[in-house]
Protein backbone atom coordinates (compact mmCIF):
# COMPACT_ATOMS: atom_id res chain seq x y z
CA UNK A 1 -33.07 -5.38 -9.20
CA UNK A 2 -30.00 -3.30 -8.35
CA UNK A 3 -27.96 -5.45 -5.99
CA UNK A 4 -25.10 -4.08 -3.96
CA UNK A 5 -22.14 -6.08 -2.81
CA UNK A 6 -20.31 -5.38 0.43
CA UNK A 7 -16.75 -6.11 -0.70
CA UNK A 8 -15.22 -5.87 2.77
CA UNK A 9 -17.79 -8.28 4.19
CA UNK A 10 -17.14 -10.64 1.26
CA UNK A 11 -13.41 -10.62 2.06
CA UNK A 12 -14.06 -11.37 5.73
CA UNK A 13 -16.40 -14.21 4.77
CA UNK A 14 -13.74 -15.65 2.47
CA UNK A 15 -11.05 -15.55 5.16
CA UNK A 16 -13.37 -17.26 7.63
CA UNK A 17 -14.74 -19.72 5.09
CA UNK A 18 -18.26 -18.56 6.03
CA UNK A 19 -20.56 -19.35 3.10
CA UNK A 20 -23.63 -17.82 4.75
CA UNK A 21 -21.81 -14.54 5.36
CA UNK A 22 -20.67 -14.56 1.72
CA UNK A 23 -24.28 -14.93 0.56
CA UNK A 24 -25.34 -11.99 2.74
CA UNK A 25 -22.45 -9.88 1.46
CA UNK A 26 -23.61 -10.44 -2.12
CA UNK A 27 -27.35 -10.21 -1.44
CA UNK A 28 -27.67 -6.45 -1.48
CA UNK A 29 -29.68 -6.57 1.75
CA UNK A 30 -27.20 -4.48 3.67
CA UNK A 31 -26.38 -0.87 3.04
CA UNK A 32 -22.83 -0.31 1.84
CA UNK A 33 -20.92 2.79 2.85
CA UNK A 34 -17.83 3.31 0.70
CA UNK A 35 -15.75 6.32 1.65
CA UNK A 36 -13.32 5.71 -1.21
CA UNK A 37 -10.34 5.63 1.16
CA UNK A 38 -9.82 1.91 0.64
CA UNK A 39 -7.85 2.43 -2.56
CA UNK A 40 -5.43 4.67 -0.65
CA UNK A 41 -4.94 2.17 2.18
CA UNK A 42 -1.76 0.83 0.58
CA UNK A 43 -0.17 4.29 0.49
CA UNK A 44 -1.27 4.94 4.08
CA UNK A 45 0.09 1.67 5.47
CA UNK A 46 3.40 1.61 3.61
CA UNK A 47 4.01 5.33 4.09
CA UNK A 48 3.41 4.87 7.81
CA UNK A 49 5.63 1.81 8.07
CA UNK A 50 8.48 3.56 6.30
CA UNK A 51 8.00 6.62 8.52
CA UNK A 52 8.18 4.68 11.77
CA UNK A 53 11.06 2.41 10.79
CA UNK A 54 13.35 5.05 9.27
CA UNK A 55 12.75 7.69 11.95
CA UNK A 56 13.11 5.19 14.76
CA UNK A 57 16.32 3.92 13.16
CA UNK A 58 17.67 7.48 13.27
CA UNK A 59 16.67 7.82 16.93
CA UNK A 60 18.25 4.46 17.74
CA UNK A 61 21.49 5.38 15.97
CA UNK A 62 21.77 8.68 17.83
CA UNK A 63 20.88 7.02 21.13
CA UNK A 64 23.53 4.37 20.51
CA UNK A 65 26.09 7.11 20.02
CA UNK A 66 24.81 8.91 23.17
CA UNK A 67 24.64 12.25 21.34
CA UNK A 68 21.73 13.81 23.24
CA UNK A 69 18.16 14.96 22.67
CA UNK A 70 19.03 17.95 20.46
CA UNK A 71 20.79 15.74 17.93
CA UNK A 72 17.89 13.27 17.99
CA UNK A 73 15.41 16.04 17.17
CA UNK A 74 17.56 17.65 14.47
CA UNK A 75 18.34 14.42 12.63
CA UNK A 76 14.88 12.98 13.30
CA UNK A 77 12.98 15.89 11.81
CA UNK A 78 15.43 16.24 8.93
CA UNK A 79 14.78 12.60 8.10
CA UNK A 80 11.04 13.02 8.62
CA UNK A 81 10.70 15.85 6.11
CA UNK A 82 13.27 14.70 3.54
CA UNK A 83 12.22 11.05 3.45
CA UNK A 84 8.53 11.99 3.59
CA UNK A 85 8.91 14.15 0.49
CA UNK A 86 10.95 11.44 -1.22
CA UNK A 87 8.31 8.81 -0.46
CA UNK A 88 5.51 11.07 -1.70
CA UNK A 89 7.32 11.88 -4.94
CA UNK A 90 8.07 8.20 -5.48
CA UNK A 91 4.42 7.25 -4.96
CA UNK A 92 3.27 10.07 -7.27
CA UNK A 93 5.65 9.09 -10.07
CA UNK A 94 4.95 5.36 -9.81
CA UNK A 95 1.17 5.83 -9.83
CA UNK A 96 1.40 8.34 -12.68
CA UNK A 97 3.64 6.01 -14.67
CA UNK A 98 1.24 3.08 -14.19
CA UNK A 99 -1.68 5.21 -15.42
CA UNK A 100 0.30 6.49 -18.41
CA UNK A 101 1.41 2.97 -19.34
CA UNK A 102 -2.17 1.71 -19.18
CA UNK A 103 -3.43 4.62 -21.31
CA UNK A 104 -0.70 4.03 -23.89
CA UNK A 105 -1.46 0.33 -24.16
CA UNK A 106 -5.18 0.99 -24.37
CA UNK A 107 -4.64 3.50 -27.19
CA UNK A 108 -2.63 0.87 -29.04
CA UNK A 109 -5.32 -1.76 -28.56
CA UNK A 110 -8.00 0.67 -29.74
CA UNK A 111 -5.97 1.49 -32.84
CA UNK A 112 -5.50 -2.20 -33.60
CA UNK A 113 -9.22 -2.90 -33.17
CA UNK A 114 -10.06 -0.01 -35.52
CA UNK A 115 -7.45 -0.91 -38.14
CA UNK A 116 -7.44 -4.71 -38.01
CA UNK A 117 -10.46 -6.08 -36.09
CA UNK A 118 -10.14 -9.59 -37.56
CA UNK A 119 -6.63 -9.92 -36.19
CA UNK A 120 -7.76 -8.81 -32.73
CA UNK A 121 -10.64 -11.30 -32.83
CA UNK A 122 -8.14 -14.06 -33.65
CA UNK A 123 -5.96 -12.98 -30.72
CA UNK A 124 -8.87 -13.15 -28.32
CA UNK A 125 -9.91 -16.55 -29.64
CA UNK A 126 -6.39 -17.78 -28.90
CA UNK A 127 -6.42 -16.19 -25.42
CA UNK A 128 -9.68 -17.86 -24.41
CA UNK A 129 -8.69 -21.24 -25.81
CA UNK A 130 -5.47 -21.07 -23.78
CA UNK A 131 -7.64 -20.39 -20.73
CA UNK A 132 -9.43 -23.69 -21.34
CA UNK A 133 -12.48 -22.80 -23.43
CA UNK A 134 -13.15 -24.77 -26.57
CA UNK A 135 -13.10 -23.08 -29.96
CA UNK A 136 -16.89 -22.87 -30.26
CA UNK A 137 -17.41 -21.22 -26.85
CA UNK A 138 -14.46 -18.89 -27.45
CA UNK A 139 -15.98 -17.72 -30.71
CA UNK A 140 -19.37 -17.11 -29.07
CA UNK A 141 -17.70 -15.09 -26.31
CA UNK A 142 -15.68 -12.99 -28.78
CA UNK A 143 -18.77 -12.31 -30.90
CA UNK A 144 -20.59 -11.02 -27.83
CA UNK A 145 -17.66 -8.86 -26.72
CA UNK A 146 -17.13 -7.15 -30.06
CA UNK A 147 -20.67 -5.75 -30.04
CA UNK A 148 -19.46 -3.15 -27.56
CA UNK A 149 -16.07 -1.79 -28.65
CA UNK A 150 -15.22 -0.10 -25.34
CA UNK A 151 -16.00 -3.24 -23.36
CA UNK A 152 -14.11 -5.31 -25.92
CA UNK A 153 -10.98 -3.18 -25.56
CA UNK A 154 -11.22 -3.14 -21.75
CA UNK A 155 -11.58 -6.92 -21.75
CA UNK A 156 -8.58 -7.31 -24.03
CA UNK A 157 -6.53 -5.11 -21.69
CA UNK A 158 -7.31 -7.48 -18.84
CA UNK A 159 -7.45 -10.88 -20.49
CA UNK A 160 -4.66 -10.41 -23.04
CA UNK A 161 -2.27 -8.00 -21.27
CA UNK A 162 -3.21 -8.53 -17.63
CA UNK A 163 -3.78 -4.79 -17.09
CA UNK A 164 -6.62 -3.23 -15.11
CA UNK A 165 -7.22 0.50 -14.93
CA UNK A 166 -7.66 1.74 -11.40
CA UNK A 167 -9.19 5.18 -11.02
CA UNK A 168 -6.16 6.37 -9.10
CA UNK A 169 -5.15 9.97 -8.56
CA UNK A 170 -1.33 10.30 -8.31
CA UNK A 171 -1.57 13.54 -6.32
CA UNK A 172 -3.93 12.03 -3.72
CA UNK A 173 -1.69 8.99 -3.37
CA UNK A 174 1.31 11.25 -2.82
CA UNK A 175 -0.55 13.33 -0.23
CA UNK A 176 -1.71 10.21 1.65
CA UNK A 177 1.82 8.78 1.64
CA UNK A 178 3.35 12.04 2.87
CA UNK A 179 0.70 12.51 5.55
CA UNK A 180 1.05 8.94 6.79
CA UNK A 181 4.84 9.21 6.83
CA UNK A 182 4.67 12.40 8.91
CA UNK A 183 2.04 11.10 11.36
CA UNK A 184 3.67 7.75 12.09
CA UNK A 185 7.23 9.00 11.65
CA UNK A 186 6.58 11.55 14.39
CA UNK A 187 5.84 8.81 16.95
CA UNK A 188 9.51 7.98 17.71
CA UNK A 189 10.15 11.71 18.24
CA UNK A 190 7.03 12.49 20.26
CA UNK A 191 8.41 11.97 23.77
CA UNK A 192 11.51 14.03 23.05
CA UNK A 193 9.44 16.85 21.53
CA UNK A 194 6.99 17.00 24.45
CA UNK A 195 9.86 16.78 26.91
CA UNK A 196 11.50 19.79 25.26
CA UNK A 197 8.28 21.83 25.10
CA UNK A 198 7.07 21.13 28.63
CA UNK A 199 10.56 20.94 30.19
CA UNK A 200 10.07 17.32 31.19
CA UNK A 201 12.99 15.18 32.20
CA UNK A 202 11.99 12.02 30.36
CA UNK A 203 13.56 9.12 32.23
CA UNK A 204 14.40 6.14 30.00
CA UNK A 205 13.26 8.13 26.97
CA UNK A 206 14.71 5.73 24.43
CA UNK A 207 13.11 2.75 26.18
CA UNK A 208 9.64 4.32 26.11
CA UNK A 209 10.16 5.49 22.54
CA UNK A 210 11.03 1.91 21.62
CA UNK A 211 7.80 0.69 23.21
CA UNK A 212 5.68 3.28 21.37
CA UNK A 213 7.40 2.58 18.06
CA UNK A 214 7.02 -1.17 18.56
CA UNK A 215 3.30 -0.88 19.25
CA UNK A 216 2.87 1.34 16.19
CA UNK A 217 4.83 -1.03 13.95
CA UNK A 218 2.79 -3.98 15.14
CA UNK A 219 -0.45 -2.04 14.59
CA UNK A 220 0.45 -1.01 11.06
CA UNK A 221 1.64 -4.51 10.25
CA UNK A 222 -1.72 -5.83 11.43
CA UNK A 223 -3.52 -3.14 9.40
CA UNK A 224 -1.59 -4.29 6.35
CA UNK A 225 -3.70 -7.45 6.36
CA UNK A 226 -6.54 -5.35 4.95
CA UNK A 227 -4.48 -5.43 1.75
CA UNK A 228 -2.77 -8.80 1.95
CA UNK A 229 -5.53 -10.82 3.61
CA UNK A 230 -2.96 -12.56 5.85
CA UNK A 231 -3.35 -13.22 9.57
CA UNK A 232 -3.07 -9.94 11.47
CA UNK A 233 -1.00 -11.27 14.38
CA UNK A 234 1.62 -12.83 12.14
CA UNK A 235 1.82 -9.76 9.94
CA UNK A 236 2.11 -7.51 12.98
CA UNK A 237 4.98 -9.53 14.47
CA UNK A 238 6.77 -9.73 11.11
CA UNK A 239 6.66 -5.95 10.75
CA UNK A 240 7.79 -5.50 14.34
CA UNK A 241 10.70 -7.88 13.73
CA UNK A 242 11.81 -6.07 10.57
CA UNK A 243 11.61 -2.69 12.27
CA UNK A 244 13.42 -4.03 15.31
CA UNK A 245 16.26 -5.41 13.20
CA UNK A 246 16.67 -2.07 11.39
CA UNK A 247 16.61 -0.10 14.65
CA UNK A 248 18.95 -2.55 16.36
CA UNK A 249 21.47 -2.29 13.53
CA UNK A 250 21.32 1.52 13.68
CA UNK A 251 21.77 1.50 17.45
CA UNK A 252 24.85 -0.73 17.40
CA UNK A 253 26.40 1.18 14.50
CA UNK A 254 25.96 4.39 16.48
CA UNK A 255 27.44 2.76 19.56
CA UNK A 256 30.47 1.43 17.66
CA UNK A 257 31.14 4.71 15.86
CA UNK A 258 30.88 6.66 19.13
CA UNK A 259 33.67 4.50 20.55
CA UNK A 260 35.84 4.84 17.48
CA UNK A 261 35.50 8.57 16.81
């Protein structure tokens, strides 16, 4: 029987300590819809957090120096584009490097299995005995593994080197990071942009921008728990605190420099 596991439901069951829900999640009785976006959630969350915090810090610094809406928009959008590209390139290069490192190590392991299989068997015996298996069980396990060379090499990559190959596309990660940075980084600029377009006189613009940015930071911090598994409220407040400290520092620096210059 081809059973399906609802991974998200299994995670929720684990966090709640709900054994019955865990059984259901592993039973295959529910239909699982996997859009594939889950593996890009990290890029989306961290790209968004960086976008909000850095752009809002720019807005806060300009507001502290009382330089006006035009300066806020110029510096804000310059930061939005430049930092967004930088974040995307960084995500692309890091993901690409991880994939290349895995492929290199796997090629080495394959070569060693082909050229000196007995030595690799001895290594795996040692690995499993260090994990707590006795010599007899370790030997049985290694004998089973070596019947399928691909599975043997993949297992060695994980059990010996601690490496797991994720089917990750560096370009998609970069695009998600850039898109998230732009979307969430635009939030601190939104009121000023709409005020300029529609000729609104936005009273207390910085105050309302602070509220919007704070809500967004809290929301993304809470969303981060999909990755970390921590409590959403605590994660949201931690992210809000970090963003608030960065923005507060930028605001007071701008205020001090405006008085000096």
